Amino acid sequence: MTTQDTIVALATPSGNGAIGIIRVSGPEAIIISEQVFNAKSKKALSTLNSHTVHLGEISDGERIIDEALTTIFKGQRSYTGEPTVEFSCHGSHFILTEVIQLLINKGCRVANAGEFTMRAFLNGKMDLSQAEAVADLIASDNAASHQLAMQQMRGGFTNQLKTLRQELLDFASLIELELDFSEEDVEFANREQFKGLVTKIEKILKQLIDSFAVGNVLKKGIPVAIVGEPNVGKSTLLNAFLNEERAIVSDIAGTTRDTIEDEIAINGIGFRFIDTAGIRETQDQIEGLGIQRTFEKIKQSQIVIRLIDSLKLFENDKAEINLENLKKEINDLQLKFPDQAFILIANKVDQLSINQKELILTFFPNIKFIAAKQNLGIENLKQSLVDLVDTGALHSQDAIVTNARHYSALQAALKEINEVQQGLNEGLTTDLLAIDVRQALYHFGEITGEVTNDELLGNIFANFCIGK
C-alpha cells in the first residue's frame, strides 16, 4: 500500500450536472494542479493559504477547458492527511473527462476504489472501523442507518475498545516482563486486578456482540413478511405501504406466485416488505413453489404480518368455529417460528358491523383492523411496526455493531478472553496466559486497524466508490 504517488478521481456522480468535483491527493497534488490552474489573482497555488477557495481557469496550454473554483488543503490538514486539491468544475461529462485526462498527463494516477479513504486510514486520520463507516454513510438511505454510520464515524464502540485494549496491553506488558524473570518467581501483574479487567472486557464484548442483531437489521432494513390466504389483500396492503401499484392486485386467487419485495422508511427506520404467495392447498406446481418460498421468507423475517379477510370469518354462519380454527392456526405458526414478532391484521374492516368487530376482539384482543384498499388504519399499522423495533440503544447513543467483520472479530476476541479467564481461575502458568492475551489483543487490533494486511485493506476498500 503506497501513498507516494498522486491520485485523481471524480468525487461526484458521473453524468451531466451543475457541478462536478475532481479530487487530487498526494505529495505532488498542489505542484501538478498549479500547472493546469490559473487563478484570477495571478498567484500560484503553492503560494496560497490552506483551506482557501480560488476562482480561475483550467487550461491545457493556450486552450481553456473550464472556469472553476479550486480548494486547497496543504500538509496533513485534509481528508486524506496529505496535500489535496479539489476542482469544482461545470458538470459536463466532456469537461470533467478532459480535466482528469489533463491531470493524468501531468503526472497523476487514476485513484482506485476507496483509495482516498484508505489513505486517510494509512495517514492516521481515522481508524479502520471509522473508514468502513464512510462507505456505510454513503449507502445510508434512512435516518436509522445514517445515525448508525455517523456514530461509527465519530468513534462509536472503537473508542471503548481502544481503552480496553490499552488496559489489557498494560497487563500484557507486565506478564511478558514476568517471563523475563521466570527463574526468580516474581509477579508484576496483580492477578486479582487482572481478573477484574478480564471480567469487565468479557461483559462489554458480550454487549457489543448482542447489539449486532439490532444493528444489522437497522442497517439493512427490518424484513417484514406479509402472510395470509390467497386474495385476502396482501398485495393491496403492500401497495398501501409503498403508496404505489407495486404488486398486481386481482380477484383471482393465487395471483402472487412468488415473493415481491420493496423498501420504505417509517419514522426514519428502514423496512423491507415481502408480499408472499397465499398459503393454501394447491395442485398448481408453480403456486406450490411460491407457498414453499413463503415459509422460507417467514423464517428470514423479523416481523410477520398475518393478514386475514375479516368477511370470510363470517361465511356460512360459522364465525366462532372459523375464529377458533384461526386461533389454532396462528398459534401453530408462532410455535413454528418462535423468533419472529407477529402482528395479526383483519382487512376489510369497512364492511364489518360493530358486533362482528367485537366478536373478533373477544378471540384476538390485540388484532388491528384495516381497509387496505381505502387506506384505512395504515398509519396506525406503520406505528405498530416502529414500536416493535428495539431502537433503545440507537436513541441513547449506546454502541451498536453493524459490521459483520467487526462482529466476527469480537466473537474471536471474546473466545480468547474466556480462555484468559479460565486460565486465571485454574492458575495457569504465565507463559500460557501470555499466549491467550496476545491473541485477544490481535483480534481487538483487527477491528481498529492496529493489526492489518494488504489483503484485508484491499477487500474493505474495494467496496467503496471511486472518488471516495
Protein backbone atom coordinates (compact mmCIF):
# COMPACT_ATOMS: atom_id res chain seq x y z
CA MET A 1 0.00 0.00 0.00
CA THR A 2 1.80 3.12 -1.22
CA THR A 3 0.91 6.76 -0.72
CA GLN A 4 3.89 8.11 -2.64
CA ASP A 5 2.10 8.79 -5.92
CA THR A 6 -0.55 11.42 -6.57
CA ILE A 7 -4.05 10.23 -7.44
CA VAL A 8 -7.04 11.81 -9.14
CA ALA A 9 -10.73 10.89 -9.47
CA LEU A 10 -14.18 12.35 -9.91
CA ALA A 11 -15.64 12.79 -6.41
CA THR A 12 -19.22 13.40 -7.56
CA PRO A 13 -21.54 11.07 -9.54
CA SER A 14 -20.73 10.78 -13.23
CA GLY A 15 -23.07 12.33 -15.80
CA ASN A 16 -24.16 15.86 -16.60
CA GLY A 17 -24.92 18.16 -13.68
CA ALA A 18 -24.44 21.69 -12.44
CA ILE A 19 -21.13 20.93 -10.74
CA GLY A 20 -18.62 18.10 -10.81
CA ILE A 21 -15.79 17.88 -8.27
CA ILE A 22 -12.42 16.42 -9.21
CA ARG A 23 -10.22 15.44 -6.28
CA VAL A 24 -6.41 15.28 -6.44
CA SER A 25 -4.42 13.94 -3.49
CA GLY A 26 -0.80 13.06 -2.88
CA PRO A 27 2.66 14.57 -2.39
CA GLU A 28 2.59 16.39 -5.78
CA ALA A 29 -1.11 17.38 -5.69
CA ILE A 30 -0.51 21.14 -5.45
CA ILE A 31 2.51 21.16 -7.77
CA ILE A 32 0.64 19.25 -10.51
CA SER A 33 -2.57 21.26 -10.05
CA GLU A 34 -0.90 24.63 -10.41
CA GLN A 35 0.39 23.52 -13.83
CA VAL A 36 -3.20 23.44 -15.12
CA PHE A 37 -4.93 26.11 -12.98
CA ASN A 38 -4.51 29.86 -13.38
CA ALA A 39 -6.06 31.81 -10.51
CA LYS A 40 -7.74 35.15 -11.26
CA SER A 41 -5.44 36.61 -8.59
CA LYS A 42 -2.43 35.57 -10.76
CA LYS A 43 -0.94 33.76 -7.73
CA ALA A 44 0.40 30.20 -7.89
CA LEU A 45 -1.48 27.61 -5.82
CA SER A 46 1.66 26.76 -3.83
CA THR A 47 1.80 30.35 -2.51
CA LEU A 48 -1.83 30.42 -1.33
CA ASN A 49 -3.06 29.57 2.15
CA SER A 50 -4.51 26.17 3.03
CA HIS A 51 -8.29 25.82 3.27
CA THR A 52 -8.96 28.62 0.79
CA VAL A 53 -11.04 28.68 -2.40
CA HIS A 54 -9.97 30.45 -5.58
CA LEU A 55 -11.62 31.25 -8.89
CA GLY A 56 -9.64 30.68 -12.05
CA GLU A 57 -9.27 28.85 -15.36
CA ILE A 58 -8.22 25.29 -16.04
CA SER A 59 -6.26 25.19 -19.28
CA ASP A 60 -4.10 22.92 -21.39
CA GLY A 61 -1.53 25.36 -22.71
CA GLU A 62 -3.45 28.04 -24.60
CA ARG A 63 -6.68 26.01 -24.64
CA ILE A 64 -9.05 26.93 -21.81
CA ILE A 65 -11.12 23.91 -20.68
CA ASP A 66 -13.23 25.45 -17.91
CA GLU A 67 -13.61 28.21 -15.37
CA ALA A 68 -13.65 26.64 -11.93
CA LEU A 69 -13.35 27.09 -8.19
CA THR A 70 -10.31 25.40 -6.68
CA THR A 71 -9.95 24.46 -3.00
CA ILE A 72 -6.52 23.87 -1.46
CA PHE A 73 -5.66 21.67 1.54
CA LYS A 74 -1.99 21.78 2.49
CA GLY A 75 0.14 19.38 4.52
CA GLN A 76 -1.83 16.90 6.64
CA ARG A 77 -4.83 19.23 7.03
CA SER A 78 -7.04 17.35 4.59
CA TYR A 79 -9.40 14.37 4.46
CA THR A 80 -6.59 12.10 3.27
CA GLY A 81 -3.91 13.54 5.55
CA GLU A 82 -1.83 14.67 2.57
CA PRO A 83 -1.83 17.67 0.18
CA THR A 84 -5.17 17.79 -1.64
CA VAL A 85 -6.74 19.98 -4.32
CA GLU A 86 -10.39 19.88 -5.35
CA PHE A 87 -11.61 21.41 -8.62
CA SER A 88 -15.31 22.39 -8.68
CA CYS A 89 -15.95 22.37 -12.42
CA HIS A 90 -19.07 22.70 -14.52
CA GLY A 91 -20.74 19.29 -14.58
CA SER A 92 -20.31 18.47 -18.27
CA HIS A 93 -19.10 14.91 -18.78
CA PHE A 94 -16.81 16.18 -21.54
CA ILE A 95 -15.25 18.89 -19.31
CA LEU A 96 -14.68 16.51 -16.38
CA THR A 97 -13.10 13.88 -18.61
CA GLU A 98 -10.83 16.47 -20.24
CA VAL A 99 -9.65 17.83 -16.87
CA ILE A 100 -8.98 14.37 -15.42
CA GLN A 101 -7.06 13.36 -18.57
CA LEU A 102 -5.03 16.58 -18.37
CA LEU A 103 -4.10 15.88 -14.73
CA ILE A 104 -3.08 12.32 -15.64
CA ASN A 105 -0.86 13.71 -18.41
CA LYS A 106 0.78 15.98 -15.82
CA GLY A 107 1.66 13.08 -13.52
CA CYS A 108 -1.43 11.88 -11.63
CA ARG A 109 -2.67 8.31 -11.48
CA VAL A 110 -6.36 7.36 -11.52
CA ALA A 111 -7.45 6.52 -7.96
CA ASN A 112 -8.61 3.03 -7.08
CA ALA A 113 -11.97 2.44 -5.37
CA GLY A 114 -11.85 3.86 -1.85
CA GLU A 115 -8.23 4.96 -2.18
CA PHE A 116 -8.77 8.45 -0.75
CA THR A 117 -10.32 6.95 2.40
CA MET A 118 -7.64 4.25 2.54
CA ARG A 119 -5.01 6.99 2.55
CA ALA A 120 -6.90 8.74 5.36
CA PHE A 121 -6.59 5.49 7.35
CA LEU A 122 -2.92 4.91 6.45
CA ASN A 123 -2.10 8.52 7.38
CA GLY A 124 -3.79 8.21 10.78
CA LYS A 125 -6.78 10.47 10.07
CA MET A 126 -9.21 7.72 11.14
CA ASP A 127 -9.11 4.12 12.34
CA LEU A 128 -10.22 1.23 10.16
CA SER A 129 -13.74 0.97 11.58
CA GLN A 130 -14.28 4.70 11.00
CA ALA A 131 -13.06 4.28 7.41
CA GLU A 132 -15.59 1.47 6.88
CA ALA A 133 -18.30 3.73 8.30
CA VAL A 134 -17.67 6.18 5.43
CA ALA A 135 -19.00 3.58 2.97
CA ASP A 136 -21.99 2.93 5.24
CA LEU A 137 -22.71 6.65 5.42
CA ILE A 138 -22.71 6.97 1.63
CA ALA A 139 -25.01 3.94 1.35
CA SER A 140 -27.42 5.03 4.13
CA ASP A 141 -30.95 5.54 2.83
CA ASN A 142 -32.88 6.17 6.05
CA ALA A 143 -32.39 8.03 9.33
CA ALA A 144 -31.53 4.91 11.36
CA SER A 145 -28.76 3.66 9.04
CA HIS A 146 -27.45 7.24 8.74
CA GLN A 147 -27.28 7.64 12.53
CA LEU A 148 -25.52 4.29 12.95
CA ALA A 149 -22.90 5.26 10.34
CA MET A 150 -22.39 8.67 11.98
CA GLN A 151 -21.92 7.03 15.40
CA GLN A 152 -19.24 4.76 13.97
CA MET A 153 -17.53 7.58 12.07
CA ARG A 154 -17.22 9.50 15.32
CA GLY A 155 -15.53 6.56 17.01
CA GLY A 156 -18.56 4.50 18.02
CA PHE A 157 -17.60 1.45 20.00
CA THR A 158 -13.96 1.56 18.83
CA ASN A 159 -13.12 4.30 21.34
CA GLN A 160 -14.35 1.91 24.02
CA LEU A 161 -12.32 -0.93 22.52
CA LYS A 162 -9.16 1.17 22.32
CA THR A 163 -9.40 1.95 26.04
CA LEU A 164 -9.94 -1.71 26.92
CA ARG A 165 -7.13 -2.79 24.57
CA GLN A 166 -4.73 -0.36 26.20
CA GLU A 167 -5.61 -1.62 29.68
CA LEU A 168 -5.15 -5.21 28.51
CA LEU A 169 -1.90 -4.25 26.79
CA ASP A 170 -0.59 -2.74 30.06
CA PHE A 171 -1.24 -6.03 31.86
CA ALA A 172 0.20 -7.98 28.94
CA SER A 173 3.42 -5.98 29.25
CA LEU A 174 3.68 -6.92 32.91
CA ILE A 175 3.01 -10.58 32.12
CA GLU A 176 5.69 -10.53 29.41
CA LEU A 177 8.05 -8.96 31.96
CA GLU A 178 7.38 -11.86 34.32
CA LEU A 179 8.58 -14.23 31.61
CA ASP A 180 11.94 -12.45 31.63
CA PHE A 181 12.20 -13.11 35.38
CA SER A 182 10.67 -16.61 35.35
CA GLU A 183 13.57 -18.12 37.33
CA GLU A 184 13.04 -15.65 40.18
CA ASP A 185 9.29 -16.46 40.56
CA VAL A 186 8.03 -12.85 40.77
CA GLU A 187 4.60 -11.42 39.90
CA PHE A 188 4.40 -7.96 38.37
CA ALA A 189 0.76 -8.27 37.25
CA ASN A 190 -1.71 -8.27 40.14
CA ARG A 191 -3.86 -11.32 39.43
CA GLU A 192 -6.97 -10.02 41.22
CA GLN A 193 -6.90 -6.73 39.30
CA PHE A 194 -6.30 -8.69 36.11
CA LYS A 195 -9.37 -10.87 36.83
CA GLY A 196 -11.45 -7.72 37.32
CA LEU A 197 -10.30 -6.29 33.99
CA VAL A 198 -10.97 -9.56 32.14
CA THR A 199 -14.48 -9.73 33.64
CA LYS A 200 -15.16 -6.14 32.53
CA ILE A 201 -13.88 -6.83 29.00
CA GLU A 202 -15.96 -10.00 28.78
CA LYS A 203 -19.14 -8.12 29.75
CA ILE A 204 -18.57 -5.31 27.22
CA LEU A 205 -17.73 -7.74 24.41
CA LYS A 206 -20.95 -9.68 25.04
CA GLN A 207 -22.98 -6.44 24.94
CA LEU A 208 -21.37 -5.44 21.63
CA ILE A 209 -21.91 -8.89 20.12
CA ASP A 210 -25.56 -8.87 21.20
CA SER A 211 -26.05 -5.41 19.65
CA PHE A 212 -25.22 -6.81 16.20
CA ALA A 213 -28.68 -8.42 15.97
CA VAL A 214 -30.26 -4.95 16.23
CA GLY A 215 -27.59 -3.05 14.33
CA ASN A 216 -27.52 -5.35 11.32
CA VAL A 217 -31.28 -5.17 10.66
CA LEU A 218 -31.36 -1.40 11.25
CA LYS A 219 -28.55 -1.01 8.73
CA LYS A 220 -30.08 -3.28 6.08
CA GLY A 221 -33.77 -2.69 6.85
CA ILE A 222 -36.10 -4.78 9.02
CA PRO A 223 -37.57 -7.64 6.94
CA VAL A 224 -41.38 -7.87 7.25
CA ALA A 225 -43.29 -10.78 5.68
CA ILE A 226 -46.95 -10.22 4.73
CA VAL A 227 -48.63 -13.62 5.06
CA GLY A 228 -52.17 -14.90 4.55
CA GLU A 229 -54.54 -16.92 2.40
CA PRO A 230 -54.92 -16.06 -1.30
CA ASN A 231 -56.94 -12.95 -2.12
CA VAL A 232 -57.10 -11.51 1.42
CA GLY A 233 -55.43 -8.25 0.31
CA LYS A 234 -51.69 -8.88 0.82
CA SER A 235 -50.71 -7.17 -2.42
CA THR A 236 -53.17 -4.33 -1.75
CA LEU A 237 -51.57 -3.84 1.69
CA LEU A 238 -48.07 -3.77 0.16
CA ASN A 239 -49.24 -1.15 -2.34
CA ALA A 240 -50.77 0.88 0.52
CA PHE A 241 -47.47 0.77 2.43
CA LEU A 242 -45.50 1.86 -0.63
CA ASN A 243 -48.16 4.28 -1.86
CA GLU A 244 -47.80 2.87 -5.39
CA GLU A 245 -49.04 -0.05 -7.51
CA ARG A 246 -46.01 -2.25 -6.89
CA ALA A 247 -47.83 -5.60 -6.70
CA ILE A 248 -50.51 -6.96 -9.06
CA VAL A 249 -53.95 -6.88 -7.44
CA SER A 250 -56.61 -9.28 -8.71
CA ASP A 251 -59.76 -11.05 -7.52
CA ILE A 252 -58.30 -14.29 -8.88
CA ALA A 253 -56.83 -16.40 -6.06
CA GLY A 254 -53.14 -17.25 -6.39
CA THR A 255 -52.16 -14.17 -8.39
CA THR A 256 -48.93 -13.72 -6.37
CA ARG A 257 -46.90 -16.82 -7.16
CA ASP A 258 -43.55 -15.57 -5.93
CA THR A 259 -42.36 -13.10 -3.31
CA ILE A 260 -42.31 -9.38 -4.10
CA GLU A 261 -40.00 -7.14 -2.05
CA ASP A 262 -39.69 -3.39 -1.63
CA GLU A 263 -38.39 -0.94 0.97
CA ILE A 264 -39.73 2.14 2.70
CA ALA A 265 -38.63 4.23 5.68
CA ILE A 266 -41.09 4.73 8.54
CA ASN A 267 -40.10 7.29 11.16
CA GLY A 268 -36.54 7.06 9.86
CA ILE A 269 -36.33 3.25 10.15
CA GLY A 270 -35.98 1.11 7.03
CA PHE A 271 -38.43 -1.77 6.49
CA ARG A 272 -38.20 -4.39 3.75
CA PHE A 273 -41.72 -5.59 2.98
CA ILE A 274 -42.17 -9.01 1.41
CA ASP A 275 -45.50 -9.81 -0.24
CA THR A 276 -45.67 -13.61 -0.25
CA ALA A 277 -47.73 -16.16 -2.16
CA GLY A 278 -51.04 -17.06 -0.50
CA ILE A 279 -50.97 -20.08 1.83
CA ARG A 280 -53.47 -22.75 0.76
CA GLU A 281 -53.72 -26.31 -0.52
CA THR A 282 -52.97 -26.27 -4.26
CA GLN A 283 -52.30 -28.68 -7.12
CA ASP A 284 -50.55 -25.95 -9.13
CA GLN A 285 -46.83 -26.83 -9.06
CA ILE A 286 -45.66 -23.23 -9.60
CA GLU A 287 -48.01 -21.81 -6.98
CA GLY A 288 -46.87 -24.59 -4.63
CA LEU A 289 -43.25 -23.47 -5.03
CA GLY A 290 -44.37 -19.94 -4.19
CA ILE A 291 -46.05 -21.14 -0.98
CA GLN A 292 -42.91 -23.08 -0.04
CA ARG A 293 -40.90 -19.90 -0.53
CA THR A 294 -43.38 -18.07 1.72
CA PHE A 295 -42.32 -20.22 4.67
CA GLU A 296 -38.67 -19.55 3.83
CA LYS A 297 -39.35 -15.79 3.86
CA ILE A 298 -41.16 -16.04 7.22
CA LYS A 299 -38.06 -17.69 8.66
CA GLN A 300 -35.85 -14.89 7.31
CA SER A 301 -38.10 -12.08 8.55
CA GLN A 302 -38.06 -10.21 11.86
CA ILE A 303 -41.76 -9.34 11.79
CA VAL A 304 -44.68 -11.29 10.32
CA ILE A 305 -47.92 -9.55 9.37
CA ARG A 306 -50.61 -12.25 9.38
CA LEU A 307 -53.39 -10.81 7.25
CA ILE A 308 -56.93 -12.21 7.25
CA ASP A 309 -60.07 -11.39 5.30
CA SER A 310 -62.46 -10.46 8.12
CA LEU A 311 -65.53 -11.08 5.94
CA LYS A 312 -64.61 -14.73 5.36
CA LEU A 313 -64.71 -15.36 9.10
CA PHE A 314 -68.48 -14.85 8.98
CA GLU A 315 -69.23 -17.05 5.96
CA ASN A 316 -71.78 -19.87 6.39
CA ASP A 317 -72.75 -18.65 9.89
CA LYS A 318 -69.69 -20.38 11.38
CA ALA A 319 -67.91 -17.33 12.79
CA GLU A 320 -66.93 -18.86 16.14
CA ILE A 321 -65.70 -22.10 14.56
CA ASN A 322 -63.71 -20.11 11.99
CA LEU A 323 -62.21 -17.92 14.72
CA GLU A 324 -61.24 -20.98 16.80
CA ASN A 325 -59.57 -22.57 13.76
CA LEU A 326 -57.76 -19.32 13.02
CA LYS A 327 -56.53 -19.08 16.61
CA LYS A 328 -55.13 -22.62 16.42
CA GLU A 329 -53.50 -21.93 13.05
CA ILE A 330 -51.82 -18.76 14.32
CA ASN A 331 -50.61 -20.50 17.50
CA ASP A 332 -49.09 -23.26 15.35
CA LEU A 333 -47.41 -20.65 13.13
CA GLN A 334 -45.93 -18.88 16.16
CA LEU A 335 -44.66 -22.18 17.56
CA LYS A 336 -43.06 -22.98 14.21
CA PHE A 337 -41.41 -19.54 14.03
CA PRO A 338 -40.69 -18.54 17.67
CA ASP A 339 -38.11 -15.88 16.78
CA GLN A 340 -40.49 -13.72 14.76
CA ALA A 341 -42.81 -10.99 16.06
CA PHE A 342 -46.39 -11.45 14.80
CA ILE A 343 -48.98 -8.77 14.08
CA LEU A 344 -52.49 -10.02 13.34
CA ILE A 345 -54.40 -7.79 10.90
CA ALA A 346 -58.04 -8.02 9.86
CA ASN A 347 -58.64 -6.49 6.43
CA LYS A 348 -61.89 -5.04 5.01
CA VAL A 349 -62.97 -3.53 8.34
CA ASP A 350 -65.12 -1.03 6.42
CA GLN A 351 -67.53 -3.89 5.65
CA LEU A 352 -67.84 -5.22 9.20
CA SER A 353 -70.63 -4.49 11.65
CA ILE A 354 -69.88 -3.35 15.20
CA ASN A 355 -71.00 -6.73 16.59
CA GLN A 356 -68.72 -8.58 14.18
CA LYS A 357 -65.72 -6.48 15.24
CA GLU A 358 -66.48 -7.10 18.91
CA LEU A 359 -66.68 -10.87 18.34
CA ILE A 360 -63.26 -10.87 16.63
CA LEU A 361 -61.82 -8.86 19.53
CA THR A 362 -63.01 -11.46 22.05
CA PHE A 363 -60.75 -14.02 20.34
CA PHE A 364 -57.91 -11.63 19.42
CA PRO A 365 -57.75 -8.61 21.78
CA ASN A 366 -54.60 -7.26 20.07
CA ILE A 367 -55.82 -7.58 16.48
CA LYS A 368 -55.61 -4.50 14.28
CA PHE A 369 -58.31 -3.55 11.78
CA ILE A 370 -57.60 -2.03 8.39
CA ALA A 371 -59.19 -1.49 5.00
CA ALA A 372 -56.15 -1.66 2.71
CA LYS A 373 -57.98 -0.61 -0.44
CA GLN A 374 -59.34 2.51 1.29
CA ASN A 375 -56.03 3.13 3.13
CA LEU A 376 -57.81 2.96 6.50
CA GLY A 377 -55.68 2.05 9.52
CA ILE A 378 -52.42 2.01 7.55
CA GLU A 379 -50.78 4.82 9.54
CA ASN A 380 -51.61 3.09 12.85
CA LEU A 381 -50.17 -0.13 11.46
CA LYS A 382 -46.96 1.67 10.49
CA GLN A 383 -46.64 2.99 14.04
CA SER A 384 -47.13 -0.56 15.38
CA LEU A 385 -44.21 -1.70 13.23
CA VAL A 386 -41.98 1.05 14.57
CA ASP A 387 -43.00 0.17 18.15
CA LEU A 388 -41.85 -3.42 17.60
CA VAL A 389 -38.33 -2.38 16.63
CA ASP A 390 -35.88 -2.18 19.52
CA THR A 391 -34.12 1.13 18.87
CA GLY A 392 -33.41 1.98 22.51
CA ALA A 393 -29.65 1.70 22.03
CA LEU A 394 -29.81 3.88 18.93
CA HIS A 395 -31.67 6.69 20.70
CA SER A 396 -29.45 6.53 23.79
CA GLN A 397 -26.27 6.67 21.69
CA ASP A 398 -25.11 3.28 23.07
CA ALA A 399 -22.59 1.45 20.93
CA ILE A 400 -24.13 -0.71 18.21
CA VAL A 401 -22.20 -3.10 15.98
CA THR A 402 -23.38 -3.20 12.34
CA ASN A 403 -20.37 -4.62 10.51
CA ALA A 404 -20.06 -8.40 10.01
CA ARG A 405 -16.24 -8.19 10.08
CA HIS A 406 -16.33 -6.43 13.44
CA TYR A 407 -18.84 -8.98 14.73
CA SER A 408 -16.55 -11.86 13.75
CA ALA A 409 -13.50 -10.21 15.36
CA LEU A 410 -15.45 -9.51 18.57
CA GLN A 411 -16.52 -13.15 18.79
CA ALA A 412 -12.90 -14.26 18.32
CA ALA A 413 -11.74 -11.76 20.97
CA LEU A 414 -14.40 -12.98 23.41
CA LYS A 415 -13.27 -16.58 22.89
CA GLU A 416 -9.70 -15.62 23.80
CA ILE A 417 -10.83 -13.54 26.79
CA ASN A 418 -12.81 -16.56 28.03
CA GLU A 419 -9.61 -18.60 27.71
CA VAL A 420 -7.73 -15.98 29.75
CA GLN A 421 -10.49 -16.02 32.39
CA GLN A 422 -10.36 -19.80 32.59
CA GLY A 423 -6.57 -19.75 32.80
CA LEU A 424 -6.64 -17.26 35.68
CA ASN A 425 -9.20 -19.37 37.55
CA GLU A 426 -7.11 -22.51 37.07
CA GLY A 427 -3.83 -20.79 37.99
CA LEU A 428 -2.31 -21.32 34.55
CA THR A 429 1.39 -20.56 34.16
CA THR A 430 2.42 -17.11 32.93
CA ASP A 431 3.69 -18.27 29.52
CA LEU A 432 0.36 -19.93 28.67
CA LEU A 433 -1.63 -16.90 29.87
CA ALA A 434 0.51 -14.67 27.68
CA ILE A 435 -0.46 -16.65 24.54
CA ASP A 436 -4.20 -16.08 25.06
CA VAL A 437 -3.69 -12.41 25.94
CA ARG A 438 -1.68 -11.84 22.75
CA GLN A 439 -4.45 -13.46 20.69
CA ALA A 440 -7.12 -11.30 22.32
CA LEU A 441 -5.05 -8.18 21.60
CA TYR A 442 -4.70 -9.31 17.99
CA HIS A 443 -8.47 -9.52 17.48
CA PHE A 444 -9.02 -6.12 19.15
CA GLY A 445 -6.48 -4.64 16.75
CA GLU A 446 -8.18 -6.23 13.74
CA ILE A 447 -11.23 -4.01 14.27
CA THR A 448 -9.45 -0.67 14.64
CA GLY A 449 -6.65 -1.41 12.17
CA GLU A 450 -3.72 -1.69 14.56
CA VAL A 451 -3.38 -5.18 13.09
CA THR A 452 -3.94 -5.38 9.33
CA ASN A 453 -2.56 -6.51 5.99
CA ASP A 454 -2.80 -5.56 2.34
CA GLU A 455 -5.34 -8.29 1.54
CA LEU A 456 -7.72 -7.13 4.28
CA LEU A 457 -7.46 -3.48 3.22
CA GLY A 458 -7.95 -4.45 -0.40
CA ASN A 459 -11.16 -6.32 0.44
CA ILE A 460 -12.55 -3.47 2.53
CA PHE A 461 -11.82 -0.57 0.21
CA ALA A 462 -12.75 -2.46 -2.97
CA ASN A 463 -16.39 -1.96 -1.91
CA PHE A 464 -16.05 1.84 -1.92
CA CYS A 465 -16.94 4.07 -4.86
CA ILE A 466 -14.24 5.70 -6.97
CA GLY A 467 -13.53 9.21 -5.68
CA LYS A 468 -14.01 8.31 -2.03
